[in-house]
Amino acid sequence: MLHLKSIDKHNWEDTLNLTLNEEQKKSIAPNVYSLAQVQFLDMAVAKGIYLDTRMIGFAVYGIDEDDGECWIYRLMIDKNFQGKGYGKQAVHLLIDEFETIKAEHHQYIYISYEPENNGARFTYKNCGFVETDLFVDGEQVAKYAVKNKEQKGFKNTTQGIEGVKAK
C-alpha cells in the first residue's frame, strides 16, 4: 500500500538512490537539492513516498512563505515505478496532507512543472488540477480546488491510499 513517511536521519539517503529517466532530469530538480532547500523553508515538509516498506518517490510540500498558499514543490517517482498509477496516488496522499495543515482561507493547492513535461501535466490533470495563466520561473502553474476534492477510484485508509477499480 502506498503511504508517506517523513524524511529523517534514517531514510534521507534513500532519496538520493531514486532515479529519473534522462529526459526527466532536465525538468525535475535533483533530490539532494530539494533536501537542502527544505532546510531553509520554514513551512516545507519532505516526505518519502513508500510502497509498503520501499521508498519509490519523494515529495516536498507546504505553505509558501512568499504568497502564503499551499504548494507541492517537488514530486518525483523513481523511473522503475512510473506508469503504474503511483504518481496519481501520491498526489492524492499529498492533498490529504494539506487537509491537516491548510488554513480556512486556503482554497487551492498549487503545483508547477515544465511546460514540456507531458507526464506531469497528464497526472495532475487527472487528479483535478487545472492549469492557470501563471508561470513561475518558466514553469506552468496548475491549481487544485480544495473544497471540491474528489477521489474517484480511490479508497482512503488510516495508513495510506489503495487503488480500487472504479465501476
Protein backbone atom coordinates (compact mmCIF):
# COMPACT_ATOMS: atom_id res chain seq x y z
CA MET A 1 0.00 0.00 0.00
CA LEU A 2 1.24 3.49 -0.85
CA HIS A 3 1.91 5.88 2.04
CA LEU A 4 4.01 8.90 3.01
CA LYS A 5 6.77 8.87 5.59
CA SER A 6 8.76 11.82 6.93
CA ILE A 7 12.34 12.17 5.77
CA ASP A 8 14.71 11.85 8.70
CA LYS A 9 18.23 10.71 9.59
CA HIS A 10 17.28 7.09 8.92
CA ASN A 11 15.97 7.42 5.36
CA TRP A 12 17.28 10.64 3.81
CA GLU A 13 19.94 8.79 1.83
CA ASP A 14 17.24 6.63 0.24
CA THR A 15 16.02 9.76 -1.57
CA LEU A 16 19.43 10.00 -3.25
CA ASN A 17 19.03 6.50 -4.70
CA LEU A 18 15.79 7.39 -6.50
CA THR A 19 16.35 7.82 -10.24
CA LEU A 20 14.67 9.51 -13.19
CA ASN A 21 14.77 8.91 -16.92
CA GLU A 22 17.39 11.04 -18.68
CA GLU A 23 14.72 13.29 -20.23
CA GLN A 24 13.12 13.91 -16.83
CA LYS A 25 16.41 15.03 -15.27
CA LYS A 26 16.12 18.23 -17.32
CA SER A 27 12.84 19.25 -15.69
CA ILE A 28 13.00 17.99 -12.09
CA ALA A 29 15.47 19.28 -9.51
CA PRO A 30 17.78 16.63 -8.02
CA ASN A 31 16.59 15.27 -4.68
CA VAL A 32 19.80 16.39 -2.98
CA TYR A 33 18.89 19.98 -3.93
CA SER A 34 15.35 19.54 -2.60
CA LEU A 35 16.66 18.12 0.69
CA ALA A 36 18.92 21.14 1.10
CA GLN A 37 16.18 23.58 0.09
CA VAL A 38 13.69 22.23 2.63
CA GLN A 39 16.14 23.10 5.42
CA PHE A 40 15.57 26.79 4.66
CA LEU A 41 11.82 26.79 4.05
CA ASP A 42 10.13 27.10 7.43
CA MET A 43 6.76 25.74 6.31
CA ALA A 44 8.02 22.98 3.98
CA VAL A 45 7.85 19.26 4.67
CA ALA A 46 9.81 16.48 2.94
CA LYS A 47 8.25 13.03 2.70
CA GLY A 48 9.24 9.76 1.14
CA ILE A 49 6.62 8.01 -0.95
CA TYR A 50 6.60 4.37 0.11
CA LEU A 51 5.18 1.25 -1.46
CA ASP A 52 4.90 -0.89 1.65
CA THR A 53 8.47 -0.63 3.07
CA ARG A 54 10.27 0.57 -0.08
CA MET A 55 10.77 4.25 -0.91
CA ILE A 56 9.67 4.74 -4.52
CA GLY A 57 9.34 8.52 -4.60
CA PHE A 58 9.89 11.82 -2.90
CA ALA A 59 7.81 14.94 -2.27
CA VAL A 60 8.25 18.38 -0.73
CA TYR A 61 5.19 20.47 0.08
CA GLY A 62 3.99 23.20 2.40
CA ILE A 63 2.68 26.71 2.86
CA ASP A 64 4.74 29.06 0.70
CA GLU A 65 6.45 31.86 2.62
CA ASP A 66 6.12 34.32 -0.27
CA ASP A 67 2.44 34.00 -1.21
CA GLY A 68 1.05 32.12 1.81
CA GLU A 69 -0.54 29.47 -0.41
CA CYS A 70 -0.40 25.66 -0.35
CA TRP A 71 2.25 24.35 -2.77
CA ILE A 72 3.59 20.98 -3.83
CA TYR A 73 7.20 21.99 -4.53
CA ARG A 74 8.58 18.64 -5.63
CA LEU A 75 7.09 15.32 -6.59
CA MET A 76 9.02 12.51 -8.18
CA ILE A 77 8.51 8.79 -8.64
CA ASP A 78 11.50 6.55 -9.33
CA LYS A 79 11.74 5.62 -13.02
CA ASN A 80 11.26 1.92 -12.19
CA PHE A 81 7.85 2.63 -10.64
CA GLN A 82 6.46 5.10 -13.17
CA GLY A 83 3.45 4.29 -15.32
CA LYS A 84 1.79 2.24 -12.58
CA GLY A 85 -0.50 4.89 -11.09
CA TYR A 86 1.74 5.66 -8.10
CA GLY A 87 2.14 9.32 -9.08
CA LYS A 88 -1.61 9.84 -9.06
CA GLN A 89 -1.95 8.05 -5.74
CA ALA A 90 0.89 10.15 -4.29
CA VAL A 91 -0.84 13.37 -5.38
CA HIS A 92 -4.00 12.28 -3.55
CA LEU A 93 -1.95 11.49 -0.43
CA LEU A 94 -0.42 14.97 -0.59
CA ILE A 95 -3.86 16.54 -0.99
CA ASP A 96 -4.89 14.69 2.17
CA GLU A 97 -1.78 16.02 3.95
CA PHE A 98 -2.83 19.58 3.14
CA GLU A 99 -6.14 18.98 4.89
CA THR A 100 -4.17 18.85 8.15
CA ILE A 101 -2.05 21.99 7.63
CA LYS A 102 -4.10 24.37 5.49
CA ALA A 103 -5.91 27.36 6.93
CA GLU A 104 -9.58 28.16 6.36
CA HIS A 105 -8.74 30.75 3.68
CA HIS A 106 -6.81 28.26 1.53
CA GLN A 107 -8.99 27.31 -1.42
CA TYR A 108 -6.32 25.88 -3.71
CA ILE A 109 -3.23 23.70 -3.78
CA TYR A 110 -0.69 24.81 -6.38
CA ILE A 111 1.94 22.91 -8.32
CA SER A 112 4.26 23.92 -11.14
CA TYR A 113 6.03 21.94 -13.84
CA GLU A 114 7.98 22.40 -17.05
CA PRO A 115 5.52 23.08 -19.90
CA GLU A 116 7.01 20.23 -21.96
CA ASN A 117 6.61 17.70 -19.13
CA ASN A 118 3.52 16.00 -20.52
CA GLY A 119 3.67 13.17 -17.97
CA ALA A 120 3.30 15.66 -15.12
CA ARG A 121 0.59 17.59 -16.96
CA PHE A 122 -1.40 14.38 -17.57
CA THR A 123 -1.05 13.15 -13.97
CA TYR A 124 -2.00 16.45 -12.37
CA LYS A 125 -4.93 16.99 -14.74
CA ASN A 126 -6.24 13.51 -13.90
CA CYS A 127 -6.01 14.42 -10.22
CA GLY A 128 -8.17 17.52 -10.69
CA PHE A 129 -5.53 20.23 -11.18
CA VAL A 130 -6.38 22.95 -13.70
CA GLU A 131 -3.70 24.95 -15.49
CA THR A 132 -3.67 28.68 -14.78
CA ASP A 133 -2.32 31.58 -16.84
CA LEU A 134 0.60 31.85 -14.40
CA PHE A 135 4.18 30.76 -14.90
CA VAL A 136 6.84 30.70 -12.15
CA ASP A 137 10.47 30.56 -13.27
CA GLY A 138 9.25 29.34 -16.67
CA GLU A 139 7.11 26.57 -15.16
CA GLN A 140 3.38 26.16 -15.78
CA VAL A 141 1.29 26.65 -12.62
CA ALA A 142 -1.77 24.49 -12.01
CA LYS A 143 -4.22 24.65 -9.11
CA TYR A 144 -6.47 22.19 -7.33
CA ALA A 145 -9.68 23.37 -5.67
CA VAL A 146 -9.52 22.00 -2.12
CA LYS A 147 -13.21 22.48 -1.43
CA ASN A 148 -14.18 20.32 -4.44
CA LYS A 149 -11.95 17.38 -3.58
CA GLU A 150 -12.97 14.15 -5.27
CA GLN A 151 -11.09 10.88 -5.14
CA LYS A 152 -12.85 8.76 -7.71
CA GLY A 153 -11.40 5.31 -7.80
CA PHE A 154 -9.53 5.63 -4.50
CA LYS A 155 -10.25 4.38 -1.02
CA ASN A 156 -8.78 6.23 1.97
CA THR A 157 -7.37 4.19 4.83
CA THR A 158 -5.71 5.23 8.05
CA GLN A 159 -2.34 4.05 6.72
CA GLY A 160 -2.40 5.32 3.15
CA ILE A 161 -4.36 5.05 -0.03
CA GLU A 162 -5.16 1.98 -2.05
CA GLY A 163 -6.13 2.00 -5.70
CA VAL A 164 -9.51 0.40 -6.33
CA LYS A 165 -11.15 -0.10 -9.67
CA ALA A 166 -13.94 2.33 -10.40
CA LYS A 167 -17.05 0.66 -11.77
